[in-house]
Amino acid sequence: MTETADRTATQDLRNDLEDVYGRYEEMRSGVDELQRSLATMQVSAQSPDGAVQATVNADGDLVALRLDQQACREWNVETLARVIVETVQSASAGKHRQVENLVTAHRQSDETA
């Protein structure tokens, strides 16, 4: 009888270990997916009139900037500089929201696992 109980306990421990390892693998996969999403993230924003478009990456670095030719001809340097800065700030704020959403989704999936 003791031998049967030992086998059952050993099998239960193996099952528990397999469950824990499975949850770990799911969490690890989620972390890898989160890292890939952050590594490839780019967020763009446009000025209200569409004359300026800025794109930032997950680090907040400006990776692309598009300026409308008409705006470059009509605006003075100060106005163009201000609109560029505001558009980059808008893209950066969007990036913060997107990172927050990704992390929140990742945490929720971890909690359900």
N, C-alpha and C. Protein backbone atom coordinates (compact mmCIF):
# COMPACT_ATOMS: atom_id res chain seq x y z
N MET A 1 0.82 -1.19 0.00
CA MET A 1 0.00 0.00 0.00
C MET A 1 0.87 1.25 0.00
N THR A 2 1.96 1.24 0.72
CA THR A 2 2.85 2.40 0.77
C THR A 2 3.48 2.65 -0.59
N GLU A 3 3.84 1.56 -1.27
CA GLU A 3 4.44 1.70 -2.60
C GLU A 3 3.46 2.35 -3.57
N THR A 4 2.20 2.00 -3.50
CA THR A 4 1.17 2.59 -4.35
C THR A 4 1.00 4.07 -4.02
N ALA A 5 1.00 4.40 -2.76
CA ALA A 5 0.86 5.80 -2.34
C ALA A 5 2.06 6.61 -2.81
N ASP A 6 3.26 6.02 -2.72
CA ASP A 6 4.47 6.70 -3.19
C ASP A 6 4.40 6.95 -4.69
N ARG A 7 3.94 5.97 -5.44
CA ARG A 7 3.81 6.15 -6.89
C ARG A 7 2.81 7.25 -7.22
N THR A 8 1.71 7.27 -6.50
CA THR A 8 0.69 8.29 -6.73
C THR A 8 1.24 9.67 -6.39
N ALA A 9 1.94 9.77 -5.28
CA ALA A 9 2.52 11.06 -4.88
C ALA A 9 3.57 11.51 -5.90
N THR A 10 4.38 10.58 -6.36
CA THR A 10 5.40 10.91 -7.36
C THR A 10 4.75 11.37 -8.65
N GLN A 11 3.70 10.69 -9.07
CA GLN A 11 2.99 11.09 -10.29
C GLN A 11 2.34 12.46 -10.12
N ASP A 12 1.77 12.70 -8.95
CA ASP A 12 1.17 14.01 -8.67
C ASP A 12 2.23 15.12 -8.74
N LEU A 13 3.40 14.85 -8.17
CA LEU A 13 4.48 15.83 -8.23
C LEU A 13 4.92 16.08 -9.67
N ARG A 14 5.01 15.02 -10.46
CA ARG A 14 5.38 15.18 -11.88
C ARG A 14 4.34 16.02 -12.61
N ASN A 15 3.07 15.73 -12.35
CA ASN A 15 2.00 16.50 -12.98
C ASN A 15 2.07 17.97 -12.59
N ASP A 16 2.29 18.22 -11.30
CA ASP A 16 2.42 19.60 -10.84
C ASP A 16 3.61 20.29 -11.51
N LEU A 17 4.73 19.60 -11.59
CA LEU A 17 5.91 20.15 -12.22
C LEU A 17 5.66 20.46 -13.69
N GLU A 18 4.98 19.56 -14.38
CA GLU A 18 4.65 19.79 -15.79
C GLU A 18 3.74 21.02 -15.94
N ASP A 19 2.78 21.18 -15.03
CA ASP A 19 1.89 22.34 -15.07
C ASP A 19 2.68 23.64 -14.85
N VAL A 20 3.55 23.64 -13.85
CA VAL A 20 4.36 24.82 -13.56
C VAL A 20 5.26 25.14 -14.75
N TYR A 21 5.89 24.14 -15.31
CA TYR A 21 6.76 24.36 -16.45
C TYR A 21 5.97 24.88 -17.66
N GLY A 22 4.77 24.36 -17.86
CA GLY A 22 3.92 24.84 -18.95
C GLY A 22 3.56 26.30 -18.77
N ARG A 23 3.21 26.70 -17.55
CA ARG A 23 2.90 28.11 -17.27
C ARG A 23 4.13 28.98 -17.49
N TYR A 24 5.29 28.48 -17.06
CA TYR A 24 6.54 29.22 -17.27
C TYR A 24 6.79 29.43 -18.76
N GLU A 25 6.61 28.40 -19.56
CA GLU A 25 6.82 28.51 -21.00
C GLU A 25 5.86 29.52 -21.62
N GLU A 26 4.62 29.54 -21.17
CA GLU A 26 3.64 30.52 -21.67
C GLU A 26 4.08 31.94 -21.31
N MET A 27 4.52 32.13 -20.07
CA MET A 27 4.97 33.45 -19.64
C MET A 27 6.20 33.88 -20.42
N ARG A 28 7.13 32.96 -20.62
CA ARG A 28 8.37 33.27 -21.35
C ARG A 28 8.03 33.65 -22.79
N SER A 29 7.11 32.94 -23.38
CA SER A 29 6.68 33.25 -24.73
C SER A 29 6.05 34.65 -24.79
N GLY A 30 5.27 34.98 -23.76
CA GLY A 30 4.66 36.30 -23.70
C GLY A 30 5.69 37.40 -23.58
N VAL A 31 6.73 37.17 -22.81
CA VAL A 31 7.81 38.15 -22.66
C VAL A 31 8.54 38.32 -23.99
N ASP A 32 8.81 37.20 -24.67
CA ASP A 32 9.47 37.28 -25.97
C ASP A 32 8.63 38.08 -26.96
N GLU A 33 7.33 37.84 -26.96
CA GLU A 33 6.43 38.57 -27.86
C GLU A 33 6.42 40.06 -27.52
N LEU A 34 6.39 40.38 -26.24
CA LEU A 34 6.42 41.78 -25.80
C LEU A 34 7.72 42.45 -26.26
N GLN A 35 8.84 41.76 -26.11
CA GLN A 35 10.12 42.32 -26.53
C GLN A 35 10.16 42.55 -28.04
N ARG A 36 9.61 41.60 -28.82
CA ARG A 36 9.56 41.77 -30.27
C ARG A 36 8.70 42.97 -30.64
N SER A 37 7.56 43.10 -29.98
CA SER A 37 6.66 44.22 -30.27
C SER A 37 7.33 45.55 -29.97
N LEU A 38 8.04 45.63 -28.87
CA LEU A 38 8.74 46.87 -28.51
C LEU A 38 9.89 47.16 -29.47
N ALA A 39 10.58 46.11 -29.88
CA ALA A 39 11.74 46.30 -30.77
C ALA A 39 11.32 46.83 -32.14
N THR A 40 10.13 46.49 -32.57
CA THR A 40 9.68 46.90 -33.91
C THR A 40 8.67 48.04 -33.88
N MET A 41 8.36 48.54 -32.69
CA MET A 41 7.33 49.56 -32.57
C MET A 41 7.75 50.87 -33.22
N GLN A 42 6.82 51.42 -33.99
CA GLN A 42 6.96 52.77 -34.52
C GLN A 42 5.59 53.42 -34.44
N VAL A 43 5.56 54.64 -33.94
CA VAL A 43 4.31 55.38 -33.78
C VAL A 43 4.44 56.70 -34.50
N SER A 44 3.43 57.02 -35.31
CA SER A 44 3.44 58.26 -36.08
C SER A 44 2.34 59.20 -35.60
N ALA A 45 2.57 60.48 -35.83
CA ALA A 45 1.56 61.50 -35.55
C ALA A 45 1.67 62.56 -36.64
N GLN A 46 0.55 63.21 -36.89
CA GLN A 46 0.52 64.30 -37.87
C GLN A 46 0.10 65.58 -37.18
N SER A 47 0.59 66.69 -37.71
CA SER A 47 0.11 67.98 -37.24
C SER A 47 -1.36 68.10 -37.64
N PRO A 48 -2.11 68.96 -36.97
CA PRO A 48 -3.55 69.08 -37.28
C PRO A 48 -3.86 69.32 -38.75
N ASP A 49 -3.00 70.05 -39.44
CA ASP A 49 -3.25 70.32 -40.86
C ASP A 49 -2.60 69.29 -41.78
N GLY A 50 -1.88 68.30 -41.20
CA GLY A 50 -1.25 67.25 -41.99
C GLY A 50 0.05 67.66 -42.66
N ALA A 51 0.53 68.85 -42.39
CA ALA A 51 1.74 69.34 -43.05
C ALA A 51 3.02 68.68 -42.51
N VAL A 52 2.96 68.18 -41.30
CA VAL A 52 4.13 67.55 -40.68
C VAL A 52 3.71 66.18 -40.16
N GLN A 53 4.53 65.18 -40.45
CA GLN A 53 4.32 63.84 -39.90
C GLN A 53 5.63 63.38 -39.28
N ALA A 54 5.55 62.92 -38.03
CA ALA A 54 6.73 62.45 -37.31
C ALA A 54 6.50 61.01 -36.86
N THR A 55 7.56 60.21 -36.92
CA THR A 55 7.49 58.83 -36.47
C THR A 55 8.60 58.59 -35.46
N VAL A 56 8.24 57.99 -34.32
CA VAL A 56 9.21 57.66 -33.28
C VAL A 56 9.20 56.15 -33.05
N ASN A 57 10.31 55.64 -32.53
CA ASN A 57 10.37 54.22 -32.18
C ASN A 57 10.07 54.05 -30.69
N ALA A 58 10.20 52.83 -30.19
CA ALA A 58 9.86 52.53 -28.79
C ALA A 58 10.74 53.29 -27.81
N ASP A 59 11.92 53.69 -28.22
CA ASP A 59 12.81 54.47 -27.36
C ASP A 59 12.48 55.96 -27.40
N GLY A 60 11.55 56.33 -28.27
CA GLY A 60 11.19 57.73 -28.41
C GLY A 60 12.08 58.48 -29.38
N ASP A 61 12.95 57.75 -30.08
CA ASP A 61 13.84 58.39 -31.06
C ASP A 61 13.05 58.72 -32.33
N LEU A 62 13.29 59.88 -32.86
CA LEU A 62 12.67 60.27 -34.13
C LEU A 62 13.32 59.45 -35.23
N VAL A 63 12.51 58.65 -35.96
CA VAL A 63 13.04 57.79 -37.01
C VAL A 63 12.60 58.23 -38.40
N ALA A 64 11.58 59.09 -38.46
CA ALA A 64 11.13 59.60 -39.76
C ALA A 64 10.43 60.95 -39.56
N LEU A 65 10.61 61.80 -40.54
CA LEU A 65 9.97 63.12 -40.51
C LEU A 65 9.58 63.48 -41.94
N ARG A 66 8.32 63.82 -42.13
CA ARG A 66 7.83 64.22 -43.44
C ARG A 66 7.29 65.64 -43.33
N LEU A 67 7.74 66.49 -44.23
CA LEU A 67 7.29 67.88 -44.25
C LEU A 67 6.62 68.17 -45.58
N ASP A 68 5.47 68.80 -45.52
CA ASP A 68 4.76 69.20 -46.73
C ASP A 68 5.52 70.36 -47.38
N GLN A 69 5.73 70.28 -48.68
CA GLN A 69 6.47 71.34 -49.40
C GLN A 69 5.81 72.71 -49.24
N GLN A 70 4.49 72.72 -49.29
CA GLN A 70 3.76 73.99 -49.18
C GLN A 70 4.03 74.66 -47.83
N ALA A 71 4.01 73.86 -46.77
CA ALA A 71 4.28 74.41 -45.43
C ALA A 71 5.70 74.96 -45.36
N CYS A 72 6.63 74.26 -45.97
CA CYS A 72 8.02 74.72 -45.95
C CYS A 72 8.17 76.06 -46.65
N ARG A 73 7.37 76.29 -47.67
CA ARG A 73 7.46 77.55 -48.41
C ARG A 73 6.71 78.68 -47.70
N GLU A 74 5.59 78.35 -47.07
CA GLU A 74 4.71 79.39 -46.53
C GLU A 74 5.01 79.75 -45.07
N TRP A 75 5.46 78.80 -44.29
CA TRP A 75 5.68 79.06 -42.87
C TRP A 75 7.05 79.67 -42.65
N ASN A 76 7.13 80.49 -41.59
CA ASN A 76 8.46 80.96 -41.21
C ASN A 76 9.15 79.86 -40.40
N VAL A 77 10.42 80.01 -40.20
CA VAL A 77 11.23 78.97 -39.54
C VAL A 77 10.71 78.66 -38.14
N GLU A 78 10.33 79.67 -37.39
CA GLU A 78 9.86 79.46 -36.01
C GLU A 78 8.57 78.64 -36.00
N THR A 79 7.65 78.95 -36.91
CA THR A 79 6.39 78.21 -36.97
C THR A 79 6.65 76.76 -37.35
N LEU A 80 7.48 76.55 -38.36
CA LEU A 80 7.79 75.19 -38.78
C LEU A 80 8.46 74.41 -37.65
N ALA A 81 9.40 75.03 -36.96
CA ALA A 81 10.08 74.35 -35.85
C ALA A 81 9.09 73.99 -34.74
N ARG A 82 8.18 74.92 -34.41
CA ARG A 82 7.20 74.67 -33.36
C ARG A 82 6.27 73.51 -33.73
N VAL A 83 5.81 73.49 -34.98
CA VAL A 83 4.91 72.42 -35.42
C VAL A 83 5.64 71.08 -35.43
N ILE A 84 6.90 71.08 -35.84
CA ILE A 84 7.68 69.83 -35.81
C ILE A 84 7.80 69.32 -34.38
N VAL A 85 8.18 70.18 -33.45
CA VAL A 85 8.33 69.78 -32.05
C VAL A 85 7.01 69.25 -31.50
N GLU A 86 5.92 69.95 -31.75
CA GLU A 86 4.61 69.51 -31.25
C GLU A 86 4.21 68.16 -31.85
N THR A 87 4.51 67.95 -33.11
CA THR A 87 4.15 66.69 -33.76
C THR A 87 5.00 65.54 -33.23
N VAL A 88 6.28 65.78 -33.00
CA VAL A 88 7.14 64.75 -32.40
C VAL A 88 6.66 64.44 -30.98
N GLN A 89 6.28 65.45 -30.22
CA GLN A 89 5.76 65.21 -28.87
C GLN A 89 4.47 64.40 -28.92
N SER A 90 3.63 64.66 -29.90
CA SER A 90 2.39 63.90 -30.05
C SER A 90 2.69 62.44 -30.38
N ALA A 91 3.64 62.21 -31.26
CA ALA A 91 4.03 60.83 -31.59
C ALA A 91 4.60 60.14 -30.36
N SER A 92 5.40 60.85 -29.59
CA SER A 92 5.99 60.29 -28.37
C SER A 92 4.91 59.94 -27.35
N ALA A 93 3.92 60.80 -27.21
CA ALA A 93 2.81 60.51 -26.29
C ALA A 93 2.05 59.27 -26.77
N GLY A 94 1.86 59.15 -28.07
CA GLY A 94 1.21 57.97 -28.62
C GLY A 94 2.03 56.71 -28.36
N LYS A 95 3.34 56.86 -28.43
CA LYS A 95 4.23 55.74 -28.14
C LYS A 95 4.08 55.30 -26.70
N HIS A 96 4.01 56.26 -25.78
CA HIS A 96 3.84 55.93 -24.36
C HIS A 96 2.53 55.17 -24.14
N ARG A 97 1.47 55.62 -24.79
CA ARG A 97 0.18 54.93 -24.66
C ARG A 97 0.26 53.51 -25.21
N GLN A 98 0.91 53.36 -26.35
CA GLN A 98 1.01 52.04 -26.97
C GLN A 98 1.85 51.09 -26.11
N VAL A 99 2.96 51.58 -25.56
CA VAL A 99 3.78 50.74 -24.67
C VAL A 99 2.96 50.35 -23.44
N GLU A 100 2.25 51.30 -22.87
CA GLU A 100 1.42 51.02 -21.70
C GLU A 100 0.37 49.96 -22.03
N ASN A 101 -0.26 50.06 -23.19
CA ASN A 101 -1.26 49.07 -23.59
C ASN A 101 -0.65 47.68 -23.77
N LEU A 102 0.55 47.62 -24.37
CA LEU A 102 1.22 46.33 -24.55
C LEU A 102 1.57 45.70 -23.20
N VAL A 103 2.11 46.50 -22.30
CA VAL A 103 2.50 45.97 -20.99
C VAL A 103 1.26 45.53 -20.20
N THR A 104 0.20 46.32 -20.26
CA THR A 104 -1.04 45.96 -19.57
C THR A 104 -1.60 44.65 -20.11
N ALA A 105 -1.62 44.51 -21.42
CA ALA A 105 -2.11 43.26 -22.03
C ALA A 105 -1.24 42.08 -21.62
N HIS A 106 0.07 42.31 -21.55
CA HIS A 106 1.00 41.24 -21.15
C HIS A 106 0.74 40.84 -19.70
N ARG A 107 0.56 41.81 -18.84
CA ARG A 107 0.30 41.50 -17.42
C ARG A 107 -1.02 40.75 -17.26
N GLN A 108 -2.03 41.15 -18.00
CA GLN A 108 -3.32 40.47 -17.90
C GLN A 108 -3.22 39.02 -18.36
N SER A 109 -2.45 38.78 -19.41
CA SER A 109 -2.29 37.40 -19.86
C SER A 109 -1.50 36.58 -18.86
N ASP A 110 -0.55 37.21 -18.16
CA ASP A 110 0.19 36.51 -17.11
C ASP A 110 -0.71 36.16 -15.93
N GLU A 111 -1.61 37.06 -15.60
CA GLU A 111 -2.50 36.82 -14.46
C GLU A 111 -3.50 35.70 -14.75
N THR A 112 -3.89 35.55 -15.99
CA THR A 112 -4.85 34.50 -16.33
C THR A 112 -4.15 33.15 -16.51
N ALA A 113 -2.83 33.17 -16.68
CA ALA A 113 -2.10 31.92 -16.89
C ALA A 113 -1.92 31.14 -15.62
